[in-house]
């Protein structure tokens, strides 16, 4: 039984949900998101509650049931509140800056690493060691944050690198000399 799939999604005030074929569209105060979902899953809107049912209990349907509910819930959350990921730069000389609509990272390479602004996402640099990625799509926010982190992932010996805010990096002991 899918416990997530059986939970109803509550639509906050100002959020509308519609389904046309396999495409679900959610409109809210922060914007509009559309996504194709599995046509086998039945979506029912009853006032401010959206419920999901599956046609059978085979493994694929159980997986689609919970996944579809989670996707729609994230869309509703995104258009009403939005999503945000914060990254911290840890290391001597590691810094970030904004030049126009570009994010420029200086993280120990011989050249600065640049990221272009993407549609629907905002990248802010509150201080030189913090980068904030915000938007209405949880997937796109997470993808861009992961790409920024991959430029210099945190290493376990000195702890240097780009990490998510609150991320724990397990530290290792270095070589022991004689």
N, C-alpha and C. Protein backbone atom coordinates (compact mmCIF):
# COMPACT_ATOMS: atom_id res chain seq x y z
N UNK A 1 0.84 -1.17 0.00
CA UNK A 1 0.00 0.00 0.00
C UNK A 1 0.89 1.24 0.00
N UNK A 2 0.54 2.20 -0.84
CA UNK A 2 1.28 3.45 -0.87
C UNK A 2 0.69 4.39 0.16
N UNK A 3 1.45 4.68 1.19
CA UNK A 3 0.93 5.58 2.23
C UNK A 3 0.95 7.02 1.75
N UNK A 4 1.98 7.37 0.98
CA UNK A 4 2.05 8.74 0.45
C UNK A 4 0.94 8.97 -0.57
N UNK A 5 0.74 8.02 -1.45
CA UNK A 5 -0.28 8.16 -2.50
C UNK A 5 -1.68 8.30 -1.95
N UNK A 6 -1.94 7.73 -0.78
CA UNK A 6 -3.28 7.79 -0.21
C UNK A 6 -3.57 9.11 0.49
N UNK A 7 -2.55 9.89 0.81
CA UNK A 7 -2.77 11.18 1.45
C UNK A 7 -3.29 12.18 0.41
N UNK A 8 -4.24 12.99 0.80
CA UNK A 8 -4.77 14.02 -0.10
C UNK A 8 -3.85 15.24 -0.09
N UNK A 9 -3.79 15.92 -1.24
CA UNK A 9 -3.05 17.17 -1.34
C UNK A 9 -4.04 18.30 -1.10
N UNK A 10 -3.73 19.18 -0.17
CA UNK A 10 -4.61 20.31 0.16
C UNK A 10 -4.18 21.51 -0.67
N UNK A 11 -5.12 22.11 -1.40
CA UNK A 11 -4.83 23.30 -2.21
C UNK A 11 -5.00 24.55 -1.34
N UNK A 12 -3.93 25.34 -1.16
CA UNK A 12 -4.06 26.58 -0.41
C UNK A 12 -4.92 27.59 -1.17
N UNK A 13 -5.30 28.64 -0.50
CA UNK A 13 -6.10 29.69 -1.14
C UNK A 13 -5.30 30.32 -2.28
N UNK A 14 -5.93 30.51 -3.42
CA UNK A 14 -5.27 31.14 -4.56
C UNK A 14 -4.57 30.17 -5.49
N UNK A 15 -4.66 28.87 -5.22
CA UNK A 15 -4.01 27.87 -6.07
C UNK A 15 -5.08 27.08 -6.81
N UNK A 16 -4.90 26.97 -8.13
CA UNK A 16 -5.84 26.22 -8.97
C UNK A 16 -5.11 25.06 -9.61
N UNK A 17 -5.80 23.91 -9.71
CA UNK A 17 -5.23 22.73 -10.34
C UNK A 17 -6.17 22.25 -11.42
N UNK A 18 -5.60 21.95 -12.60
CA UNK A 18 -6.41 21.41 -13.68
C UNK A 18 -5.64 20.31 -14.40
N UNK A 19 -6.39 19.34 -14.96
CA UNK A 19 -5.77 18.24 -15.69
C UNK A 19 -6.43 18.14 -17.06
N UNK A 20 -5.59 18.14 -18.08
CA UNK A 20 -6.06 17.96 -19.45
C UNK A 20 -5.26 16.82 -20.05
N UNK A 21 -5.89 15.64 -20.14
CA UNK A 21 -5.18 14.47 -20.61
C UNK A 21 -4.15 14.04 -19.58
N UNK A 22 -2.89 13.98 -19.98
CA UNK A 22 -1.82 13.58 -19.07
C UNK A 22 -1.10 14.77 -18.45
N UNK A 23 -1.52 16.00 -18.77
CA UNK A 23 -0.82 17.19 -18.30
C UNK A 23 -1.58 17.82 -17.14
N UNK A 24 -0.87 17.98 -16.03
CA UNK A 24 -1.44 18.64 -14.85
C UNK A 24 -0.85 20.04 -14.78
N UNK A 25 -1.70 21.05 -14.64
CA UNK A 25 -1.27 22.43 -14.55
C UNK A 25 -1.70 23.00 -13.20
N UNK A 26 -0.76 23.62 -12.51
CA UNK A 26 -1.04 24.24 -11.21
C UNK A 26 -0.69 25.72 -11.33
N UNK A 27 -1.67 26.57 -11.00
CA UNK A 27 -1.47 28.02 -11.04
C UNK A 27 -1.60 28.56 -9.63
N UNK A 28 -0.68 29.47 -9.29
CA UNK A 28 -0.71 30.05 -7.96
C UNK A 28 -0.15 31.45 -7.97
N UNK A 29 0.00 32.05 -6.79
CA UNK A 29 0.48 33.43 -6.71
C UNK A 29 1.91 33.62 -7.21
N UNK A 30 2.75 32.58 -7.14
CA UNK A 30 4.14 32.72 -7.58
C UNK A 30 4.37 32.34 -9.03
N UNK A 31 3.38 31.72 -9.68
CA UNK A 31 3.55 31.35 -11.08
C UNK A 31 2.73 30.14 -11.46
N UNK A 32 3.13 29.50 -12.55
CA UNK A 32 2.40 28.37 -13.09
C UNK A 32 3.37 27.26 -13.45
N UNK A 33 3.01 26.02 -13.12
CA UNK A 33 3.81 24.84 -13.44
C UNK A 33 2.94 23.82 -14.16
N UNK A 34 3.51 23.17 -15.16
CA UNK A 34 2.83 22.09 -15.86
C UNK A 34 3.74 20.88 -15.91
N UNK A 35 3.14 19.71 -15.82
CA UNK A 35 3.94 18.48 -15.84
C UNK A 35 3.09 17.35 -16.36
N UNK A 36 3.70 16.47 -17.13
CA UNK A 36 3.02 15.28 -17.62
C UNK A 36 3.13 14.19 -16.55
N UNK A 37 1.98 13.60 -16.21
CA UNK A 37 1.98 12.52 -15.23
C UNK A 37 1.43 11.26 -15.88
N UNK A 38 1.55 10.14 -15.20
CA UNK A 38 1.08 8.86 -15.72
C UNK A 38 -0.44 8.89 -15.91
N UNK A 39 -0.89 8.46 -17.06
CA UNK A 39 -2.31 8.51 -17.35
C UNK A 39 -3.10 7.45 -16.58
N UNK A 40 -2.41 6.44 -16.04
CA UNK A 40 -3.10 5.38 -15.30
C UNK A 40 -3.62 5.86 -13.94
N UNK A 41 -2.97 6.85 -13.36
CA UNK A 41 -3.35 7.34 -12.04
C UNK A 41 -4.53 8.31 -12.18
N UNK A 42 -5.59 8.05 -11.41
CA UNK A 42 -6.77 8.91 -11.44
C UNK A 42 -6.61 10.04 -10.43
N UNK A 43 -6.84 11.26 -10.89
CA UNK A 43 -6.71 12.45 -10.05
C UNK A 43 -8.11 13.04 -9.89
N UNK A 44 -8.53 13.26 -8.66
CA UNK A 44 -9.86 13.79 -8.39
C UNK A 44 -9.74 15.04 -7.52
N UNK A 45 -10.32 16.15 -8.02
CA UNK A 45 -10.32 17.40 -7.26
C UNK A 45 -11.68 17.55 -6.60
N UNK A 46 -11.68 17.65 -5.27
CA UNK A 46 -12.91 17.80 -4.51
C UNK A 46 -12.77 19.03 -3.62
N UNK A 47 -13.18 20.18 -4.14
CA UNK A 47 -13.03 21.43 -3.40
C UNK A 47 -11.56 21.82 -3.31
N UNK A 48 -11.01 21.76 -2.10
CA UNK A 48 -9.60 22.10 -1.92
C UNK A 48 -8.73 20.86 -1.71
N UNK A 49 -9.30 19.67 -1.89
CA UNK A 49 -8.53 18.43 -1.74
C UNK A 49 -8.36 17.75 -3.08
N UNK A 50 -7.15 17.26 -3.31
CA UNK A 50 -6.85 16.49 -4.51
C UNK A 50 -6.47 15.10 -4.04
N UNK A 51 -7.17 14.09 -4.55
CA UNK A 51 -6.87 12.71 -4.15
C UNK A 51 -6.47 11.90 -5.37
N UNK A 52 -5.74 10.82 -5.13
CA UNK A 52 -5.19 9.99 -6.19
C UNK A 52 -5.57 8.54 -5.95
N UNK A 53 -5.95 7.84 -7.02
CA UNK A 53 -6.25 6.41 -6.94
C UNK A 53 -5.54 5.70 -8.07
N UNK A 54 -5.24 4.40 -7.84
CA UNK A 54 -4.57 3.60 -8.85
C UNK A 54 -5.49 2.47 -9.29
N UNK A 55 -5.34 1.99 -10.52
CA UNK A 55 -6.25 0.96 -11.02
C UNK A 55 -5.98 -0.44 -10.47
N UNK A 56 -4.73 -0.74 -10.11
CA UNK A 56 -4.40 -2.08 -9.62
C UNK A 56 -3.31 -1.99 -8.56
N UNK A 57 -2.98 -3.14 -7.98
CA UNK A 57 -1.99 -3.16 -6.91
C UNK A 57 -0.66 -3.77 -7.34
N UNK A 58 -0.36 -3.76 -8.64
CA UNK A 58 0.95 -4.29 -9.04
C UNK A 58 2.04 -3.28 -8.70
N UNK A 59 3.28 -3.71 -8.70
CA UNK A 59 4.40 -2.89 -8.23
C UNK A 59 4.54 -1.57 -8.95
N UNK A 60 4.37 -1.57 -10.27
CA UNK A 60 4.52 -0.33 -11.04
C UNK A 60 3.46 0.69 -10.65
N UNK A 61 2.23 0.23 -10.48
CA UNK A 61 1.14 1.14 -10.11
C UNK A 61 1.34 1.72 -8.72
N UNK A 62 1.84 0.90 -7.79
CA UNK A 62 2.10 1.40 -6.44
C UNK A 62 3.16 2.48 -6.48
N UNK A 63 4.21 2.26 -7.29
CA UNK A 63 5.28 3.25 -7.39
C UNK A 63 4.77 4.54 -8.03
N UNK A 64 3.99 4.42 -9.10
CA UNK A 64 3.45 5.60 -9.77
C UNK A 64 2.47 6.37 -8.88
N UNK A 65 1.74 5.66 -8.05
CA UNK A 65 0.75 6.28 -7.18
C UNK A 65 1.42 7.28 -6.23
N UNK A 66 2.42 6.84 -5.50
CA UNK A 66 3.10 7.71 -4.56
C UNK A 66 3.91 8.79 -5.25
N UNK A 67 4.54 8.44 -6.37
CA UNK A 67 5.35 9.41 -7.10
C UNK A 67 4.49 10.53 -7.66
N UNK A 68 3.36 10.18 -8.24
CA UNK A 68 2.47 11.18 -8.83
C UNK A 68 1.95 12.14 -7.76
N UNK A 69 1.58 11.60 -6.61
CA UNK A 69 1.10 12.45 -5.53
C UNK A 69 2.19 13.38 -5.04
N UNK A 70 3.42 12.88 -4.91
CA UNK A 70 4.53 13.71 -4.45
C UNK A 70 4.84 14.81 -5.46
N UNK A 71 4.79 14.51 -6.75
CA UNK A 71 5.07 15.50 -7.79
C UNK A 71 4.03 16.62 -7.74
N UNK A 72 2.76 16.26 -7.66
CA UNK A 72 1.69 17.26 -7.63
C UNK A 72 1.79 18.09 -6.34
N UNK A 73 2.10 17.46 -5.22
CA UNK A 73 2.26 18.18 -3.96
C UNK A 73 3.40 19.20 -4.07
N UNK A 74 4.51 18.81 -4.68
CA UNK A 74 5.64 19.74 -4.86
C UNK A 74 5.27 20.89 -5.79
N UNK A 75 4.44 20.62 -6.80
CA UNK A 75 3.99 21.70 -7.68
C UNK A 75 3.13 22.70 -6.91
N UNK A 76 2.21 22.19 -6.10
CA UNK A 76 1.34 23.06 -5.29
C UNK A 76 2.17 23.87 -4.31
N UNK A 77 3.13 23.21 -3.65
CA UNK A 77 4.01 23.90 -2.70
C UNK A 77 4.83 24.98 -3.40
N UNK A 78 5.31 24.69 -4.61
CA UNK A 78 6.15 25.63 -5.35
C UNK A 78 5.42 26.89 -5.77
N UNK A 79 4.20 26.74 -6.29
CA UNK A 79 3.47 27.93 -6.76
C UNK A 79 2.89 28.73 -5.60
N UNK A 80 2.80 28.14 -4.41
CA UNK A 80 2.30 28.90 -3.28
C UNK A 80 3.43 29.49 -2.42
N UNK A 81 4.48 28.72 -2.14
CA UNK A 81 5.56 29.20 -1.28
C UNK A 81 6.90 29.32 -1.99
N UNK A 82 7.18 28.46 -2.94
CA UNK A 82 8.48 28.44 -3.61
C UNK A 82 9.47 27.56 -2.87
N UNK A 83 10.60 27.31 -3.50
CA UNK A 83 11.66 26.49 -2.91
C UNK A 83 12.96 27.27 -2.90
N UNK A 84 13.82 26.95 -1.93
CA UNK A 84 15.09 27.66 -1.80
C UNK A 84 16.15 26.70 -1.29
N UNK A 85 17.34 26.76 -1.88
CA UNK A 85 18.49 26.00 -1.40
C UNK A 85 19.63 26.98 -1.18
N UNK A 86 20.32 26.80 -0.07
CA UNK A 86 21.44 27.67 0.27
C UNK A 86 22.71 26.85 0.28
N UNK A 87 23.75 27.38 -0.37
CA UNK A 87 25.05 26.72 -0.43
C UNK A 87 26.08 27.58 0.27
N UNK A 88 27.02 26.94 0.96
CA UNK A 88 28.10 27.63 1.66
C UNK A 88 29.42 27.26 1.00
N UNK A 89 30.30 28.26 0.79
CA UNK A 89 31.64 28.02 0.26
C UNK A 89 32.60 28.00 1.43
N UNK A 90 33.30 26.89 1.60
CA UNK A 90 34.22 26.72 2.72
C UNK A 90 35.62 26.52 2.16
N UNK A 91 36.53 27.41 2.48
CA UNK A 91 37.91 27.30 2.02
C UNK A 91 38.54 28.68 1.93
N UNK A 92 39.83 28.74 2.13
CA UNK A 92 40.54 30.01 2.08
C UNK A 92 40.50 30.53 0.64
N UNK A 93 40.00 31.73 0.46
CA UNK A 93 39.95 32.34 -0.86
C UNK A 93 38.75 31.93 -1.69
N UNK A 94 37.90 31.05 -1.20
CA UNK A 94 36.70 30.65 -1.95
C UNK A 94 35.67 31.75 -1.80
N UNK A 95 35.16 32.23 -2.93
CA UNK A 95 34.15 33.29 -2.86
C UNK A 95 33.25 33.25 -4.09
N UNK A 96 32.09 33.83 -3.93
CA UNK A 96 31.10 33.91 -5.00
C UNK A 96 30.72 35.36 -5.19
N UNK A 97 30.32 35.69 -6.43
CA UNK A 97 29.85 37.04 -6.71
C UNK A 97 28.88 37.00 -7.89
N UNK A 98 28.09 38.04 -8.01
CA UNK A 98 27.18 38.18 -9.14
C UNK A 98 27.72 39.27 -10.05
N UNK A 99 27.80 38.95 -11.34
CA UNK A 99 28.18 39.94 -12.34
C UNK A 99 27.05 39.98 -13.36
N UNK A 100 26.17 40.96 -13.21
CA UNK A 100 24.99 41.01 -14.06
C UNK A 100 24.05 39.88 -13.68
N UNK A 101 23.74 39.01 -14.64
CA UNK A 101 22.89 37.86 -14.33
C UNK A 101 23.71 36.58 -14.23
N UNK A 102 25.03 36.69 -14.12
CA UNK A 102 25.91 35.53 -14.00
C UNK A 102 26.37 35.34 -12.56
N UNK A 103 26.48 34.09 -12.15
CA UNK A 103 27.09 33.74 -10.88
C UNK A 103 28.54 33.36 -11.16
N UNK A 104 29.48 34.00 -10.49
CA UNK A 104 30.90 33.74 -10.69
C UNK A 104 31.47 33.14 -9.41
N UNK A 105 32.07 31.95 -9.53
CA UNK A 105 32.66 31.26 -8.39
C UNK A 105 34.17 31.22 -8.53
N UNK A 106 34.88 31.64 -7.49
CA UNK A 106 36.33 31.48 -7.41
C UNK A 106 36.59 30.46 -6.32
N UNK A 107 36.89 29.22 -6.73
CA UNK A 107 37.01 28.13 -5.76
C UNK A 107 38.31 27.34 -5.95
N UNK A 108 39.40 28.05 -6.16
CA UNK A 108 40.70 27.39 -6.19
C UNK A 108 41.18 26.93 -7.54
N UNK A 109 40.42 27.16 -8.59
CA UNK A 109 40.87 26.82 -9.94
C UNK A 109 41.65 28.00 -10.51
N UNK A 110 42.33 27.78 -11.63
CA UNK A 110 43.09 28.86 -12.26
C UNK A 110 42.17 29.86 -12.96
N UNK A 111 40.89 29.53 -13.04
CA UNK A 111 39.93 30.38 -13.73
C UNK A 111 38.65 30.45 -12.90
N UNK A 112 37.89 31.53 -13.01
CA UNK A 112 36.59 31.58 -12.33
C UNK A 112 35.58 30.71 -13.08
N UNK A 113 34.66 30.10 -12.35
CA UNK A 113 33.61 29.27 -12.94
C UNK A 113 32.34 30.11 -12.97
N UNK A 114 31.70 30.19 -14.16
CA UNK A 114 30.51 31.03 -14.32
C UNK A 114 29.27 30.19 -14.57
N UNK A 115 28.14 30.63 -14.03
CA UNK A 115 26.84 30.01 -14.26
C UNK A 115 25.90 31.08 -14.78
N UNK A 116 25.21 30.78 -15.87
CA UNK A 116 24.20 31.69 -16.43
C UNK A 116 22.91 31.58 -15.62
N UNK A 117 22.18 32.67 -15.56
CA UNK A 117 20.87 32.64 -14.90
C UNK A 117 19.91 31.83 -15.76
N UNK A 118 19.11 31.00 -15.12
CA UNK A 118 18.15 30.17 -15.83
C UNK A 118 16.75 30.74 -15.66
N UNK A 119 15.92 30.47 -16.63
CA UNK A 119 14.56 30.99 -16.59
C UNK A 119 13.79 30.39 -15.41
N UNK A 120 13.15 31.24 -14.64
CA UNK A 120 12.36 30.79 -13.51
C UNK A 120 13.14 30.63 -12.22
N UNK A 121 14.46 30.81 -12.25
CA UNK A 121 15.28 30.66 -11.05
C UNK A 121 15.98 31.97 -10.73
N UNK A 122 16.14 32.25 -9.46
CA UNK A 122 16.90 33.41 -9.05
C UNK A 122 18.08 32.93 -8.22
N UNK A 123 19.25 33.47 -8.52
CA UNK A 123 20.47 33.15 -7.78
C UNK A 123 20.91 34.43 -7.10
N UNK A 124 21.07 34.36 -5.78
CA UNK A 124 21.48 35.53 -5.01
C UNK A 124 22.75 35.20 -4.24
N UNK A 125 23.56 36.23 -4.00
CA UNK A 125 24.79 36.09 -3.23
C UNK A 125 24.71 37.09 -2.07
N UNK A 126 24.12 36.67 -0.92
CA UNK A 126 24.01 37.60 0.21
C UNK A 126 25.35 38.02 0.77
N UNK A 127 26.33 37.11 0.81
CA UNK A 127 27.70 37.47 1.16
C UNK A 127 28.64 36.62 0.32
N UNK A 128 29.92 36.86 0.42
CA UNK A 128 30.87 36.25 -0.51
C UNK A 128 31.03 34.74 -0.34
N UNK A 129 30.50 34.17 0.73
CA UNK A 129 30.62 32.72 0.91
C UNK A 129 29.27 32.01 0.94
N UNK A 130 28.22 32.68 0.52
CA UNK A 130 26.88 32.10 0.52
C UNK A 130 26.22 32.32 -0.83
N UNK A 131 25.59 31.26 -1.35
CA UNK A 131 24.84 31.35 -2.61
C UNK A 131 23.45 30.78 -2.33
N UNK A 132 22.41 31.50 -2.75
CA UNK A 132 21.03 31.06 -2.57
C UNK A 132 20.38 30.89 -3.93
N UNK A 133 19.80 29.71 -4.16
CA UNK A 133 19.07 29.41 -5.39
C UNK A 133 17.60 29.29 -5.02
N UNK A 134 16.71 30.04 -5.68
CA UNK A 134 15.29 30.01 -5.37
C UNK A 134 14.47 29.93 -6.65
N UNK A 135 13.28 29.34 -6.55
CA UNK A 135 12.38 29.22 -7.68
C UNK A 135 11.13 28.47 -7.28
N UNK A 136 10.23 28.24 -8.25
CA UNK A 136 8.98 27.55 -7.94
C UNK A 136 9.04 26.06 -8.24
N UNK A 137 10.02 25.61 -9.01
CA UNK A 137 10.14 24.20 -9.34
C UNK A 137 11.20 23.55 -8.46
N UNK A 138 10.80 22.59 -7.64
CA UNK A 138 11.73 21.91 -6.74
C UNK A 138 12.82 21.20 -7.53
N UNK A 139 12.46 20.63 -8.67
CA UNK A 139 13.42 19.91 -9.50
C UNK A 139 14.49 20.85 -10.05
N UNK A 140 14.11 21.99 -10.60
CA UNK A 140 15.07 22.90 -11.21
C UNK A 140 15.96 23.57 -10.16
N UNK A 141 15.39 23.90 -8.99
CA UNK A 141 16.18 24.47 -7.91
C UNK A 141 17.23 23.47 -7.45
N UNK A 142 16.82 22.23 -7.25
CA UNK A 142 17.75 21.19 -6.81
C UNK A 142 18.82 20.89 -7.85
N UNK A 143 18.44 20.89 -9.14
CA UNK A 143 19.41 20.62 -10.21
C UNK A 143 20.49 21.69 -10.26
N UNK A 144 20.08 22.96 -10.21
CA UNK A 144 21.08 24.04 -10.28
C UNK A 144 21.96 24.03 -9.03
N UNK A 145 21.38 23.80 -7.86
CA UNK A 145 22.17 23.74 -6.63
C UNK A 145 23.17 22.58 -6.70
N UNK A 146 22.77 21.45 -7.25
CA UNK A 146 23.67 20.30 -7.38
C UNK A 146 24.80 20.59 -8.38
N UNK A 147 24.49 21.30 -9.46
CA UNK A 147 25.53 21.66 -10.43
C UNK A 147 26.54 22.62 -9.81
N UNK A 148 26.07 23.58 -9.02
CA UNK A 148 26.98 24.51 -8.36
C UNK A 148 27.85 23.76 -7.36
N UNK A 149 27.25 22.85 -6.59
CA UNK A 149 28.00 22.07 -5.60
C UNK A 149 29.04 21.17 -6.28
N UNK A 150 28.72 20.65 -7.46
CA UNK A 150 29.63 19.73 -8.15
C UNK A 150 30.90 20.42 -8.66
N UNK A 151 30.91 21.76 -8.72
CA UNK A 151 32.11 22.48 -9.15
C UNK A 151 33.26 22.17 -8.21
N UNK A 152 32.98 22.11 -6.91
CA UNK A 152 34.01 21.77 -5.92
C UNK A 152 33.30 21.12 -4.73
N UNK A 153 33.03 19.83 -4.86
CA UNK A 153 32.33 19.10 -3.81
C UNK A 153 33.19 19.07 -2.54
N UNK A 154 32.58 19.05 -1.37
CA UNK A 154 33.37 19.06 -0.14
C UNK A 154 34.24 17.81 -0.01
N UNK A 155 35.50 18.01 0.35
CA UNK A 155 36.40 16.87 0.49
C UNK A 155 36.57 16.55 1.97
N UNK A 156 36.83 15.29 2.32
CA UNK A 156 36.77 14.87 3.72
C UNK A 156 38.00 15.17 4.56
N UNK A 157 39.11 15.58 3.97
CA UNK A 157 40.33 15.76 4.75
C UNK A 157 40.46 17.16 5.34
N UNK A 158 40.23 18.18 4.54
CA UNK A 158 40.29 19.55 5.05
C UNK A 158 38.89 20.17 5.21
N UNK A 159 37.89 19.55 4.59
CA UNK A 159 36.53 20.06 4.67
C UNK A 159 36.24 21.19 3.70
N UNK A 160 37.18 21.44 2.78
CA UNK A 160 36.98 22.54 1.83
C UNK A 160 35.99 22.12 0.75
N UNK A 161 35.34 23.11 0.16
CA UNK A 161 34.45 22.85 -0.95
C UNK A 161 33.14 23.61 -0.81
N UNK A 162 32.21 23.29 -1.70
CA UNK A 162 30.88 23.91 -1.68
C UNK A 162 29.92 22.87 -1.09
N UNK A 163 29.20 23.26 -0.04
CA UNK A 163 28.27 22.33 0.59
C UNK A 163 26.93 23.01 0.80
N UNK A 164 25.89 22.18 0.95
CA UNK A 164 24.58 22.71 1.28
C UNK A 164 24.60 23.23 2.71
N UNK A 165 23.77 24.20 2.98
CA UNK A 165 23.69 24.72 4.34
C UNK A 165 23.16 23.61 5.26
N UNK A 166 23.88 23.37 6.34
CA UNK A 166 23.49 22.32 7.27
C UNK A 166 24.02 20.94 6.92
N UNK A 167 24.72 20.80 5.80
CA UNK A 167 25.26 19.50 5.40
C UNK A 167 26.43 19.13 6.30
N UNK A 168 26.47 17.88 6.72
CA UNK A 168 27.56 17.40 7.54
C UNK A 168 28.56 16.69 6.64
N UNK A 169 29.82 17.07 6.73
CA UNK A 169 30.88 16.42 5.97
C UNK A 169 31.70 15.60 6.94
N UNK A 170 31.70 14.29 6.76
CA UNK A 170 32.46 13.40 7.64
C UNK A 170 33.94 13.63 7.39
N UNK A 171 34.65 14.02 8.43
CA UNK A 171 36.07 14.32 8.30
C UNK A 171 36.89 13.06 8.53
N UNK A 172 37.98 12.93 7.77
CA UNK A 172 38.88 11.80 7.89
C UNK A 172 40.21 12.26 8.46
N UNK A 173 40.90 11.33 9.08
CA UNK A 173 42.21 11.63 9.59
C UNK A 173 43.22 11.49 8.46
N UNK A 174 44.20 12.38 8.43
CA UNK A 174 45.21 12.33 7.37
C UNK A 174 46.24 11.25 7.64
N UNK A 175 47.31 11.27 6.85
CA UNK A 175 48.36 10.28 7.01
C UNK A 175 49.05 10.45 8.36
N UNK A 176 49.51 9.36 8.91
CA UNK A 176 50.27 9.44 10.15
C UNK A 176 51.74 9.33 9.80
N UNK A 177 52.53 10.28 10.24
CA UNK A 177 53.97 10.28 9.94
C UNK A 177 54.75 9.50 10.98
N UNK A 178 55.98 9.11 10.61
CA UNK A 178 56.82 8.37 11.56
C UNK A 178 57.70 9.33 12.32
